[in-house]
Amino acid sequence: MKLVKLILILIFTLGFLLRFYNLGKLPNGLNLDEVAIGYNAYSILKTGHDEYGKFLPIVFRSHDDYKPPLYIYLTVPSVALFGLNEFAVRFPSALLGSLAILSTFFLAKEFFPRKTRVALLGALMLAISPWHLQFTRVAFETGSTAFFTSIGVLLFLKGRRDGKYLIFSALVFGLELYLYQVTKVVVPIILFTLSALYFKEIIFKRKIVLISLGIFLIFLIPTIFISTTKAGITRLQGTSIYLDPKPQIEYDSWRTFDQTSSQQYSLFMFHPRATAYLSEIIYGYLSHFRTDILFLGRNGPPVNYSPGVGLMYLWEILFIPLGLFFLCRSHDKKSAWLISIWILISPLPASLTTGVPSAIRTAIILPTFSILTALGINFFHSHFKKNARWIFVILNVIVLTYFFAFYLHQTWFHSMESYSKTWYYGYKQMVNDVIQLSPKYQKIIVSPKIGQPQNFFAFYLKYDPKTYIYTDGGTVSGGFEETRNHLGKYFFQTFDEKTIRNNPESLFVGKPDEFPGWADPIYKYRFLNGEESVVVYGRYR
């Protein structure tokens, strides 16, 4: 047991360092969501209101993407402790990501109590997982789902023996509903699955079960209500697969053809309107299990990957099928069912959205894949003769070390240049330079075309939320329509050559193509790939 504890401490330390090393500098910039989360947390800390002036909201409108509140509230103490900066915004994600390593170990131990090696390997695979690291080194709510889900399941399983853990499990799952959109679908299904599988073991703890159910419903019911409000509908409409009219148009053409051909029966048998998007949904669901997505990183936005690295190591492709095979043969059928259902339902919410496959919306699956890899390694290892096992271990250590080193190289070096645009590299320097120039100008006009600059200026200015809400009027328009918002003398609106000529006492910040040829910029900024990003122009230098 001492050796197991020592190995677990070493694994946790490795995972902790991987998540916290240079946390504020890599990725080398904050993206739109991160600065929005940071400034709203700062505003809550200082005033109790968000940027729109709403008191302790349970939905943050932000830039019209209506964020769930939990991660922002978790960021409040972080900002209070470290100040409004990159490290503070990413701290909760990195911390919960590190703790997920421990929860995965203890969950695997609960599933397979006699296989400590599997628990240690599962913790190790999550600690070095490219997928998990990608989302726990940034302020992405999805990175914390692995911790909340694994600890919620672990507490429920412990509740079979000691009922008080059921109450804590309900509390964790209830809070998770306010962490990320997909949890509103996945968490209730997981909790229902747990209740069904272990019904006979918890039914005699009726009082505690009822209390736990009541706690979960207290969290669940408001989320159902929110889903019917403008906030919920707007969020759904912004990502729904039903925004794409092509499947419906194609389906309607088939229906029209059948009608003109007097094949009325086929309208009901083969082309009912309800199934117009069925093939798209199935494609979206299955796409999340494609090998090029999981192991090669060939599909999806740059925010999902390091260059040339998949969501998981290519080496794992050998062991995940073996892990599934072992799971099917496992004597603990309940654990096998639970892990299988967890895997199968995780892509469901994402399959109903645009932009599939989505590593962000399916990251809740992560602990199960780490455990499957561990099961596969253990299964393969157990089928070697004793004398050959050390050869198997050494070979696997060498191969995994190579893949891990390659991932670190791609992340620490190549992602800095390749994906600097994704992380708005240079925006912090731009805002700081504008701050230095601002005393010389009566007004600073910033174009929304550079990518929702209000969030970046509010964050890096550390603009006083009280002044913003009570003097400037707070945020009025969200999304990319920032033309009605201002931070003191910083105004966010489009401009043209005439505007520049008629406002000689103003400083202008915008995209290079927004300025006339005669305008000699004070500053020009480029992403690390050489592409021009932002131009600053004014009469006074």
Protein backbone atom coordinates (compact mmCIF):
# COMPACT_ATOMS: atom_id res chain seq x y z
CA MET A 1 0.00 0.00 0.00
CA LYS A 2 2.91 2.36 0.69
CA LEU A 3 4.23 1.71 -2.81
CA VAL A 4 0.78 2.35 -4.32
CA LYS A 5 0.49 5.63 -2.42
CA LEU A 6 3.96 6.68 -3.55
CA ILE A 7 3.20 5.90 -7.20
CA LEU A 8 -0.14 7.73 -6.98
CA ILE A 9 1.57 10.78 -5.46
CA LEU A 10 4.11 10.76 -8.29
CA ILE A 11 1.36 10.47 -10.92
CA PHE A 12 -0.62 13.30 -9.31
CA THR A 13 2.50 15.47 -9.08
CA LEU A 14 3.23 14.88 -12.77
CA GLY A 15 -0.35 15.74 -13.73
CA PHE A 16 -0.32 18.80 -11.49
CA LEU A 17 2.91 20.12 -13.02
CA LEU A 18 1.66 19.49 -16.56
CA ARG A 19 -1.41 21.58 -15.84
CA PHE A 20 0.20 24.40 -13.87
CA TYR A 21 3.56 24.87 -15.57
CA ASN A 22 3.49 28.22 -17.41
CA LEU A 23 -0.30 28.19 -17.03
CA GLY A 24 -0.70 31.92 -17.68
CA LYS A 25 1.54 31.88 -20.76
CA LEU A 26 0.63 28.72 -22.62
CA PRO A 27 -1.60 28.90 -24.57
CA ASN A 28 -0.04 32.27 -25.33
CA GLY A 29 -3.16 34.37 -24.99
CA LEU A 30 -6.70 34.28 -23.68
CA ASN A 31 -9.57 33.57 -26.02
CA LEU A 32 -12.99 35.26 -26.08
CA ASP A 33 -14.59 32.98 -23.52
CA GLU A 34 -11.70 33.24 -21.09
CA VAL A 35 -11.66 37.05 -20.93
CA ALA A 36 -15.47 37.07 -20.63
CA ILE A 37 -15.34 34.56 -17.77
CA GLY A 38 -12.56 36.50 -16.07
CA TYR A 39 -14.21 39.91 -16.24
CA ASN A 40 -17.62 38.61 -15.13
CA ALA A 41 -15.96 36.90 -12.15
CA TYR A 42 -14.16 40.19 -11.39
CA SER A 43 -17.47 42.07 -11.62
CA ILE A 44 -19.19 39.57 -9.28
CA LEU A 45 -16.30 39.94 -6.84
CA LYS A 46 -16.47 43.74 -6.83
CA THR A 47 -20.22 44.36 -7.14
CA GLY A 48 -22.16 41.09 -6.93
CA HIS A 49 -23.44 41.84 -10.46
CA ASP A 50 -22.37 40.62 -13.90
CA GLU A 51 -21.42 42.95 -16.75
CA TYR A 52 -25.11 43.46 -17.61
CA GLY A 53 -25.88 44.54 -14.04
CA LYS A 54 -27.67 41.28 -13.10
CA PHE A 55 -27.32 40.33 -9.44
CA LEU A 56 -25.76 36.89 -8.91
CA PRO A 57 -27.23 35.41 -12.11
CA ILE A 58 -27.66 31.68 -12.61
CA VAL A 59 -27.11 32.25 -16.34
CA PHE A 60 -24.44 34.67 -17.59
CA ARG A 61 -25.51 36.30 -20.83
CA SER A 62 -21.88 37.25 -21.56
CA HIS A 63 -21.49 37.76 -25.33
CA ASP A 64 -24.91 36.25 -26.00
CA ASP A 65 -23.82 32.65 -25.49
CA TYR A 66 -25.54 32.43 -22.08
CA LYS A 67 -22.88 30.64 -20.06
CA PRO A 68 -23.74 28.28 -17.18
CA PRO A 69 -22.64 29.96 -13.93
CA LEU A 70 -20.58 27.44 -11.96
CA TYR A 71 -17.17 28.00 -13.54
CA ILE A 72 -17.52 31.78 -13.29
CA TYR A 73 -18.37 31.54 -9.58
CA LEU A 74 -15.41 29.18 -9.07
CA THR A 75 -13.22 31.84 -10.68
CA VAL A 76 -14.32 34.55 -8.22
CA PRO A 77 -12.09 33.37 -5.30
CA SER A 78 -9.29 32.71 -7.78
CA VAL A 79 -9.45 36.31 -9.03
CA ALA A 80 -9.68 37.55 -5.44
CA LEU A 81 -6.51 35.62 -4.56
CA PHE A 82 -4.36 36.12 -7.67
CA GLY A 83 -5.85 39.24 -9.27
CA LEU A 84 -7.47 39.58 -12.69
CA ASN A 85 -4.97 37.80 -14.92
CA GLU A 86 -4.51 34.75 -17.11
CA PHE A 87 -3.39 32.48 -14.28
CA ALA A 88 -6.39 33.31 -12.11
CA VAL A 89 -8.90 32.59 -14.89
CA ARG A 90 -7.33 29.22 -15.70
CA PHE A 91 -6.61 28.21 -12.10
CA PRO A 92 -9.97 26.48 -11.32
CA SER A 93 -9.75 24.40 -14.49
CA ALA A 94 -6.16 23.32 -13.80
CA LEU A 95 -6.92 22.53 -10.16
CA LEU A 96 -10.05 20.48 -10.88
CA GLY A 97 -8.21 18.81 -13.76
CA SER A 98 -5.49 17.74 -11.33
CA LEU A 99 -8.01 16.48 -8.79
CA ALA A 100 -9.68 14.44 -11.56
CA ILE A 101 -6.54 12.29 -11.62
CA LEU A 102 -7.22 11.24 -8.03
CA SER A 103 -10.96 10.77 -8.54
CA THR A 104 -10.26 8.58 -11.58
CA PHE A 105 -7.89 6.42 -9.53
CA PHE A 106 -10.41 5.87 -6.73
CA LEU A 107 -13.25 5.34 -9.21
CA ALA A 108 -11.28 2.65 -11.04
CA LYS A 109 -10.49 1.07 -7.65
CA GLU A 110 -14.22 1.05 -6.89
CA PHE A 111 -14.97 -0.59 -10.24
CA PHE A 112 -12.13 -3.13 -10.03
CA PRO A 113 -11.08 -3.42 -6.36
CA ARG A 114 -8.59 -6.22 -7.02
CA LYS A 115 -6.84 -4.46 -9.89
CA THR A 116 -4.82 -1.65 -8.32
CA ARG A 117 -2.58 -1.63 -11.39
CA VAL A 118 -5.59 -0.66 -13.52
CA ALA A 119 -6.44 2.21 -11.17
CA LEU A 120 -2.86 3.53 -11.27
CA LEU A 121 -2.63 3.21 -15.05
CA GLY A 122 -6.02 4.91 -15.45
CA ALA A 123 -4.86 7.82 -13.31
CA LEU A 124 -1.61 8.03 -15.29
CA MET A 125 -3.40 8.05 -18.66
CA LEU A 126 -5.66 10.89 -17.53
CA ALA A 127 -2.69 12.78 -16.07
CA ILE A 128 -0.91 12.82 -19.46
CA SER A 129 -4.00 12.77 -21.69
CA PRO A 130 -3.66 15.33 -24.56
CA TRP A 131 -7.45 15.67 -24.57
CA HIS A 132 -7.71 16.39 -20.86
CA LEU A 133 -4.62 18.61 -20.78
CA GLN A 134 -5.92 20.65 -23.70
CA PHE A 135 -9.02 21.68 -21.77
CA THR A 136 -7.62 21.89 -18.25
CA ARG A 137 -4.87 24.35 -19.13
CA VAL A 138 -7.48 26.85 -20.28
CA ALA A 139 -10.68 28.25 -18.77
CA PHE A 140 -12.99 25.82 -20.55
CA GLU A 141 -15.86 24.58 -18.39
CA THR A 142 -15.76 21.23 -20.15
CA GLY A 143 -12.34 20.47 -18.67
CA SER A 144 -13.91 20.19 -15.21
CA THR A 145 -16.61 17.71 -16.22
CA ALA A 146 -14.20 14.78 -15.82
CA PHE A 147 -13.73 15.65 -12.15
CA PHE A 148 -17.38 16.32 -11.30
CA THR A 149 -18.70 13.24 -13.11
CA SER A 150 -16.09 10.83 -11.76
CA ILE A 151 -16.43 12.10 -8.19
CA GLY A 152 -20.23 12.02 -8.46
CA VAL A 153 -20.19 8.40 -9.62
CA LEU A 154 -17.59 7.47 -6.99
CA LEU A 155 -19.66 8.96 -4.17
CA PHE A 156 -22.78 7.16 -5.40
CA LEU A 157 -20.96 3.82 -5.43
CA LYS A 158 -19.67 4.45 -1.93
CA GLY A 159 -23.24 5.31 -0.95
CA ARG A 160 -24.22 1.70 -1.47
CA ARG A 161 -22.37 0.92 1.75
CA ASP A 162 -22.66 4.22 3.61
CA GLY A 163 -25.81 6.13 2.70
CA LYS A 164 -24.46 9.59 3.55
CA TYR A 165 -22.31 9.48 0.39
CA LEU A 166 -25.52 9.45 -1.68
CA ILE A 167 -26.29 12.94 -0.39
CA PHE A 168 -22.85 14.21 -1.43
CA SER A 169 -23.22 12.49 -4.80
CA ALA A 170 -26.54 14.28 -5.40
CA LEU A 171 -24.93 17.58 -4.44
CA VAL A 172 -21.99 17.08 -6.84
CA PHE A 173 -24.24 16.00 -9.72
CA GLY A 174 -26.60 18.89 -8.98
CA LEU A 175 -23.78 21.42 -9.14
CA GLU A 176 -22.48 19.85 -12.35
CA LEU A 177 -25.75 20.73 -14.08
CA TYR A 178 -24.56 24.36 -13.85
CA LEU A 179 -21.08 23.68 -15.19
CA TYR A 180 -21.61 23.02 -18.90
CA GLN A 181 -24.52 22.60 -21.28
CA VAL A 182 -24.00 18.90 -22.08
CA THR A 183 -24.19 17.95 -18.40
CA LYS A 184 -27.90 18.83 -18.39
CA VAL A 185 -28.42 15.78 -20.62
CA VAL A 186 -25.63 13.40 -19.63
CA VAL A 187 -25.75 13.76 -15.83
CA PRO A 188 -29.45 12.83 -15.35
CA ILE A 189 -28.95 9.76 -17.57
CA ILE A 190 -25.88 8.65 -15.61
CA LEU A 191 -27.69 9.18 -12.32
CA PHE A 192 -30.72 7.24 -13.59
CA THR A 193 -28.40 4.44 -14.75
CA LEU A 194 -26.72 4.30 -11.34
CA SER A 195 -30.09 4.19 -9.60
CA ALA A 196 -31.37 1.40 -11.86
CA LEU A 197 -28.22 -0.73 -11.61
CA TYR A 198 -27.88 -0.47 -7.85
CA PHE A 199 -31.55 -0.15 -6.94
CA LYS A 200 -31.58 -3.21 -4.69
CA GLU A 201 -28.53 -1.94 -2.76
CA ILE A 202 -29.87 1.53 -2.00
CA ILE A 203 -33.64 0.97 -1.72
CA PHE A 204 -33.39 0.12 1.99
CA LYS A 205 -31.84 3.55 2.66
CA ARG A 206 -35.17 5.17 1.83
CA LYS A 207 -34.82 8.31 3.94
CA ILE A 208 -31.37 9.13 2.57
CA VAL A 209 -32.45 8.28 -0.98
CA LEU A 210 -35.40 10.67 -0.70
CA ILE A 211 -33.19 13.42 0.72
CA SER A 212 -30.66 12.87 -2.08
CA LEU A 213 -33.40 12.91 -4.69
CA GLY A 214 -34.78 16.14 -3.24
CA ILE A 215 -31.34 17.79 -3.35
CA PHE A 216 -30.83 16.81 -6.98
CA LEU A 217 -34.30 18.04 -7.97
CA ILE A 218 -33.60 21.40 -6.33
CA PHE A 219 -30.77 21.79 -8.84
CA LEU A 220 -32.49 20.09 -11.78
CA ILE A 221 -35.83 21.92 -11.85
CA PRO A 222 -34.37 25.41 -12.41
CA THR A 223 -32.29 24.12 -15.34
CA ILE A 224 -35.45 22.77 -16.97
CA PHE A 225 -37.13 26.14 -16.48
CA ILE A 226 -34.07 28.00 -17.85
CA SER A 227 -34.17 25.84 -20.97
CA THR A 228 -37.61 27.30 -21.81
CA THR A 229 -36.55 30.93 -21.32
CA LYS A 230 -34.96 33.27 -23.85
CA ALA A 231 -31.52 32.40 -22.47
CA GLY A 232 -32.02 28.67 -22.98
CA ILE A 233 -33.66 29.00 -26.37
CA THR A 234 -31.03 31.43 -27.66
CA ARG A 235 -28.23 29.11 -26.57
CA LEU A 236 -29.95 26.13 -28.20
CA GLN A 237 -30.63 28.00 -31.43
CA GLY A 238 -27.03 29.16 -31.62
CA THR A 239 -25.64 25.62 -31.84
CA SER A 240 -28.55 23.47 -33.04
CA ILE A 241 -28.15 21.21 -36.05
CA TYR A 242 -31.58 22.40 -37.16
CA LEU A 243 -30.04 25.73 -38.16
CA ASP A 244 -28.75 24.03 -41.31
CA PRO A 245 -31.63 24.03 -43.84
CA LYS A 246 -29.98 21.62 -46.31
CA PRO A 247 -31.26 18.32 -44.83
CA GLN A 248 -34.80 19.71 -44.67
CA ILE A 249 -34.64 21.02 -48.24
CA GLU A 250 -33.42 17.64 -49.50
CA TYR A 251 -36.12 15.82 -47.55
CA ASP A 252 -38.83 18.15 -48.88
CA SER A 253 -37.66 17.49 -52.45
CA TRP A 254 -38.11 13.74 -51.88
CA ARG A 255 -41.55 14.30 -50.42
CA THR A 256 -42.56 16.52 -53.33
CA PHE A 257 -41.38 13.92 -55.83
CA ASP A 258 -43.37 11.19 -54.06
CA GLN A 259 -46.48 13.36 -54.00
CA THR A 260 -46.28 14.13 -57.72
CA SER A 261 -45.72 10.42 -58.39
CA SER A 262 -48.85 9.50 -56.44
CA GLN A 263 -46.82 7.56 -53.89
CA GLN A 264 -48.59 8.95 -50.84
CA TYR A 265 -47.82 5.90 -48.69
CA SER A 266 -44.08 6.55 -48.98
CA LEU A 267 -44.49 9.96 -47.33
CA PHE A 268 -45.39 8.27 -44.08
CA MET A 269 -43.25 5.15 -44.42
CA PHE A 270 -39.95 6.57 -45.68
CA HIS A 271 -40.03 10.38 -45.43
CA PRO A 272 -41.83 11.57 -42.30
CA ARG A 273 -40.83 15.13 -41.45
CA ALA A 274 -39.57 14.11 -38.01
CA THR A 275 -36.71 12.10 -39.56
CA ALA A 276 -35.38 14.83 -41.84
CA TYR A 277 -32.30 15.32 -39.68
CA LEU A 278 -31.95 11.74 -38.49
CA SER A 279 -29.03 10.84 -40.76
CA GLU A 280 -27.21 14.03 -39.76
CA ILE A 281 -27.68 13.24 -36.09
CA ILE A 282 -26.45 9.66 -36.54
CA TYR A 283 -23.46 10.89 -38.52
CA GLY A 284 -22.69 13.47 -35.83
CA TYR A 285 -22.90 10.83 -33.12
CA LEU A 286 -20.71 8.25 -34.86
CA SER A 287 -18.14 10.85 -35.93
CA HIS A 288 -17.01 11.16 -32.32
CA PHE A 289 -15.64 7.62 -32.42
CA ARG A 290 -13.64 8.01 -35.64
CA THR A 291 -9.97 7.03 -35.35
CA ASP A 292 -8.74 10.14 -37.18
CA ILE A 293 -10.53 12.30 -34.61
CA LEU A 294 -9.39 10.38 -31.55
CA PHE A 295 -5.84 9.44 -32.50
CA LEU A 296 -4.64 11.63 -35.37
CA GLY A 297 -6.10 15.07 -34.73
CA ARG A 298 -7.08 15.43 -38.38
CA ASN A 299 -10.47 17.03 -37.87
CA GLY A 300 -11.81 19.79 -35.67
CA PRO A 301 -10.84 23.34 -34.72
CA PRO A 302 -7.30 24.10 -33.48
CA VAL A 303 -8.62 24.76 -29.97
CA ASN A 304 -9.13 20.99 -29.64
CA TYR A 305 -5.58 19.84 -30.35
CA SER A 306 -1.89 20.38 -30.31
CA PRO A 307 -0.52 20.30 -33.90
CA GLY A 308 -0.13 16.75 -35.20
CA VAL A 309 -1.46 15.13 -32.02
CA GLY A 310 -4.84 13.45 -31.59
CA LEU A 311 -7.11 13.62 -28.59
CA MET A 312 -5.42 10.45 -27.38
CA TYR A 313 -2.03 8.90 -28.11
CA LEU A 314 -1.88 6.74 -31.23
CA TRP A 315 -0.36 4.05 -29.00
CA GLU A 316 -3.70 3.75 -27.18
CA ILE A 317 -5.43 2.44 -30.30
CA LEU A 318 -3.95 -0.97 -29.44
CA PHE A 319 -5.38 -1.13 -25.95
CA ILE A 320 -8.81 0.50 -25.97
CA PRO A 321 -10.37 -2.39 -27.97
CA LEU A 322 -8.76 -4.83 -25.53
CA GLY A 323 -10.14 -2.81 -22.65
CA LEU A 324 -13.62 -3.04 -24.16
CA PHE A 325 -13.16 -6.79 -24.64
CA PHE A 326 -12.14 -7.21 -21.00
CA LEU A 327 -15.07 -5.05 -19.90
CA CYS A 328 -17.51 -7.29 -21.76
CA ARG A 329 -16.01 -10.35 -20.06
CA SER A 330 -15.90 -8.74 -16.63
CA HIS A 331 -17.65 -10.54 -13.79
CA ASP A 332 -18.89 -7.20 -12.45
CA LYS A 333 -21.61 -6.66 -15.04
CA LYS A 334 -22.95 -3.57 -13.30
CA SER A 335 -19.62 -1.73 -13.64
CA ALA A 336 -19.40 -2.86 -17.25
CA TRP A 337 -22.89 -1.54 -17.98
CA LEU A 338 -22.21 1.75 -16.24
CA ILE A 339 -18.96 2.42 -18.10
CA SER A 340 -20.53 1.38 -21.41
CA ILE A 341 -23.56 3.64 -20.97
CA TRP A 342 -21.31 6.52 -19.88
CA ILE A 343 -19.35 6.13 -23.12
CA LEU A 344 -22.42 5.74 -25.31
CA ILE A 345 -24.37 8.75 -24.00
CA SER A 346 -21.49 11.25 -23.85
CA PRO A 347 -21.67 12.18 -27.58
CA LEU A 348 -25.49 12.42 -27.59
CA PRO A 349 -25.83 16.18 -26.89
CA ALA A 350 -23.03 17.04 -29.33
CA SER A 351 -24.68 15.01 -32.11
CA LEU A 352 -27.59 17.49 -32.07
CA THR A 353 -25.32 20.46 -32.66
CA THR A 354 -23.35 22.00 -35.48
CA GLY A 355 -19.58 21.71 -35.67
CA VAL A 356 -19.32 17.97 -35.09
CA PRO A 357 -17.28 16.13 -34.12
CA SER A 358 -16.70 18.22 -31.01
CA ALA A 359 -14.00 17.30 -28.52
CA ILE A 360 -15.20 20.12 -26.27
CA ARG A 361 -18.78 18.87 -25.96
CA THR A 362 -17.75 15.24 -25.39
CA ALA A 363 -14.92 15.70 -22.87
CA ILE A 364 -17.20 14.30 -20.15
CA ILE A 365 -16.29 10.87 -21.56
CA LEU A 366 -12.62 11.21 -20.59
CA PRO A 367 -12.31 9.11 -17.40
CA THR A 368 -13.82 6.10 -19.15
CA PHE A 369 -11.28 6.14 -22.00
CA SER A 370 -8.40 6.38 -19.53
CA ILE A 371 -9.79 3.40 -17.62
CA LEU A 372 -10.32 1.43 -20.86
CA THR A 373 -6.70 1.99 -21.89
CA ALA A 374 -5.59 0.82 -18.45
CA LEU A 375 -7.79 -2.29 -18.70
CA GLY A 376 -6.37 -3.06 -22.14
CA ILE A 377 -2.77 -2.75 -20.96
CA ASN A 378 -3.46 -4.91 -17.93
CA PHE A 379 -5.29 -7.52 -20.02
CA PHE A 380 -2.46 -7.69 -22.56
CA HIS A 381 0.18 -7.80 -19.82
CA SER A 382 -1.56 -10.68 -18.00
CA HIS A 383 -1.36 -12.89 -21.09
CA PHE A 384 2.44 -12.77 -21.25
CA LYS A 385 4.56 -15.31 -19.48
CA LYS A 386 6.27 -13.98 -16.37
CA ASN A 387 9.68 -13.78 -18.03
CA ALA A 388 8.28 -11.82 -20.98
CA ARG A 389 6.26 -9.31 -18.94
CA TRP A 390 9.24 -7.08 -18.25
CA ILE A 391 9.96 -6.88 -21.97
CA PHE A 392 6.32 -5.85 -22.55
CA VAL A 393 6.57 -3.22 -19.81
CA ILE A 394 9.87 -1.78 -21.05
CA LEU A 395 8.68 -1.60 -24.67
CA ASN A 396 5.47 0.14 -23.67
CA VAL A 397 7.29 2.61 -21.43
CA ILE A 398 9.63 3.49 -24.32
CA VAL A 399 6.80 3.90 -26.83
CA LEU A 400 4.56 5.90 -24.50
CA THR A 401 7.49 8.10 -23.45
CA TYR A 402 8.15 8.90 -27.11
CA PHE A 403 4.51 9.81 -27.79
CA PHE A 404 4.37 11.86 -24.60
CA ALA A 405 7.59 13.71 -25.46
CA PHE A 406 6.29 14.36 -28.98
CA TYR A 407 3.09 15.81 -27.52
CA LEU A 408 5.03 18.11 -25.17
CA HIS A 409 7.26 19.27 -28.03
CA GLN A 410 4.27 20.03 -30.25
CA THR A 411 2.49 21.82 -27.40
CA TRP A 412 5.37 23.87 -25.96
CA PHE A 413 6.81 24.88 -29.33
CA HIS A 414 4.68 24.41 -32.45
CA SER A 415 1.28 25.28 -30.99
CA MET A 416 2.66 28.68 -29.94
CA GLU A 417 3.14 29.63 -33.58
CA SER A 418 0.54 27.51 -35.36
CA TYR A 419 -2.39 28.44 -33.14
CA SER A 420 -1.49 31.95 -31.97
CA LYS A 421 -4.49 33.34 -33.89
CA THR A 422 -6.82 30.97 -32.06
CA TRP A 423 -5.59 32.36 -28.73
CA TYR A 424 -5.60 36.04 -29.81
CA TYR A 425 -1.87 36.39 -29.42
CA GLY A 426 -0.78 40.00 -29.04
CA TYR A 427 -4.11 41.38 -27.82
CA LYS A 428 -2.77 41.93 -24.31
CA GLN A 429 0.18 43.90 -25.66
CA MET A 430 -2.15 45.85 -27.94
CA VAL A 431 -4.42 46.87 -25.06
CA ASN A 432 -1.43 47.86 -22.92
CA ASP A 433 -0.02 49.98 -25.76
CA VAL A 434 -3.39 51.68 -26.25
CA ILE A 435 -3.54 52.39 -22.50
CA GLN A 436 -0.17 54.17 -22.77
CA LEU A 437 -1.41 56.26 -25.69
CA SER A 438 -4.85 57.01 -24.25
CA PRO A 439 -3.96 60.21 -22.28
CA LYS A 440 -3.21 61.93 -25.61
CA TYR A 441 -6.68 61.30 -27.02
CA GLN A 442 -10.21 62.36 -26.15
CA LYS A 443 -11.73 59.15 -27.45
CA ILE A 444 -10.55 55.65 -28.38
CA ILE A 445 -12.62 53.98 -31.09
CA VAL A 446 -12.18 50.21 -31.33
CA SER A 447 -13.67 48.19 -34.18
CA PRO A 448 -15.73 45.11 -33.23
CA LYS A 449 -14.24 43.45 -36.32
CA ILE A 450 -11.10 42.51 -34.39
CA GLY A 451 -13.18 40.02 -32.39
CA GLN A 452 -15.33 41.29 -29.54
CA PRO A 453 -12.67 43.70 -28.23
CA GLN A 454 -14.87 44.95 -25.39
CA ASN A 455 -14.10 41.77 -23.44
CA PHE A 456 -10.35 42.14 -23.96
CA PHE A 457 -10.26 45.84 -23.04
CA ALA A 458 -12.41 45.34 -19.94
CA PHE A 459 -10.17 42.46 -18.83
CA TYR A 460 -6.74 43.96 -19.47
CA LEU A 461 -7.78 47.45 -18.37
CA LYS A 462 -9.08 45.86 -15.16
CA TYR A 463 -11.86 48.35 -15.69
CA ASP A 464 -13.74 49.09 -12.47
CA PRO A 465 -17.04 47.15 -12.62
CA LYS A 466 -18.81 49.72 -10.43
CA THR A 467 -17.93 52.48 -12.87
CA TYR A 468 -18.90 50.31 -15.80
CA ILE A 469 -22.29 49.28 -14.41
CA TYR A 470 -23.38 52.47 -12.61
CA THR A 471 -21.72 55.18 -14.76
CA ASP A 472 -21.27 53.71 -18.22
CA GLY A 473 -24.50 51.71 -18.03
CA GLY A 474 -22.95 48.25 -18.20
CA THR A 475 -23.17 46.00 -21.23
CA VAL A 476 -26.22 46.80 -23.33
CA SER A 477 -25.69 44.80 -26.48
CA GLY A 478 -23.92 41.47 -26.60
CA GLY A 479 -22.53 39.14 -29.21
CA PHE A 480 -20.65 40.93 -31.95
CA GLU A 481 -22.96 43.97 -31.73
CA GLU A 482 -20.96 46.04 -29.28
CA THR A 483 -21.73 49.42 -30.84
CA ARG A 484 -23.86 50.56 -27.88
CA ASN A 485 -21.26 49.75 -25.22
CA HIS A 486 -18.36 51.78 -23.93
CA LEU A 487 -15.78 51.71 -21.14
CA GLY A 488 -15.25 55.36 -20.24
CA LYS A 489 -13.73 56.89 -23.35
CA TYR A 490 -13.25 53.52 -25.02
CA PHE A 491 -16.02 53.11 -27.61
CA PHE A 492 -16.64 49.95 -29.62
CA GLN A 493 -17.99 50.82 -33.05
CA THR A 494 -17.17 50.46 -36.72
CA PHE A 495 -15.46 53.28 -38.58
CA ASP A 496 -14.39 54.27 -42.09
CA GLU A 497 -12.11 56.82 -43.74
CA LYS A 498 -14.62 59.63 -43.22
CA THR A 499 -14.85 58.83 -39.49
CA ILE A 500 -11.07 58.91 -39.18
CA ARG A 501 -10.82 62.29 -40.95
CA ASN A 502 -13.63 63.83 -38.90
CA ASN A 503 -12.21 62.71 -35.54
CA PRO A 504 -8.58 63.88 -35.42
CA GLU A 505 -8.56 63.77 -31.62
CA SER A 506 -9.48 60.08 -31.55
CA LEU A 507 -7.32 56.97 -31.50
CA PHE A 508 -8.49 54.14 -33.79
CA VAL A 509 -7.98 50.40 -33.33
CA GLY A 510 -9.09 47.94 -35.99
CA LYS A 511 -8.29 45.44 -38.72
CA PRO A 512 -5.67 46.46 -41.30
CA ASP A 513 -8.23 46.67 -44.13
CA GLU A 514 -10.32 49.22 -42.20
CA PHE A 515 -7.71 51.94 -42.60
CA PRO A 516 -7.05 54.03 -45.73
CA GLY A 517 -3.66 53.81 -47.41
CA TRP A 518 -2.58 57.23 -46.19
CA ALA A 519 -3.02 56.28 -42.51
CA ASP A 520 0.44 55.67 -41.04
CA PRO A 521 -0.08 53.26 -38.12
CA ILE A 522 1.44 53.88 -34.72
CA TYR A 523 1.44 50.12 -34.06
CA LYS A 524 0.98 47.05 -36.20
CA TYR A 525 0.46 43.65 -34.61
CA ARG A 526 0.92 40.24 -36.14
CA PHE A 527 0.17 36.70 -35.11
CA LEU A 528 3.21 34.45 -34.84
CA ASN A 529 2.51 33.01 -38.29
CA GLY A 530 3.09 36.48 -39.77
CA GLU A 531 -0.55 37.34 -40.43
CA GLU A 532 -1.51 40.92 -39.56
CA SER A 533 -4.04 41.12 -36.75
CA VAL A 534 -4.61 44.66 -35.41
CA VAL A 535 -3.60 48.20 -36.37
CA VAL A 536 -3.53 51.26 -34.08
CA TYR A 537 -3.70 54.71 -35.70
CA GLY A 538 -3.83 58.25 -34.36
CA ARG A 539 -2.27 61.68 -34.88
CA TYR A 540 -0.18 61.68 -31.71
CA ARG A 541 2.60 59.24 -31.05
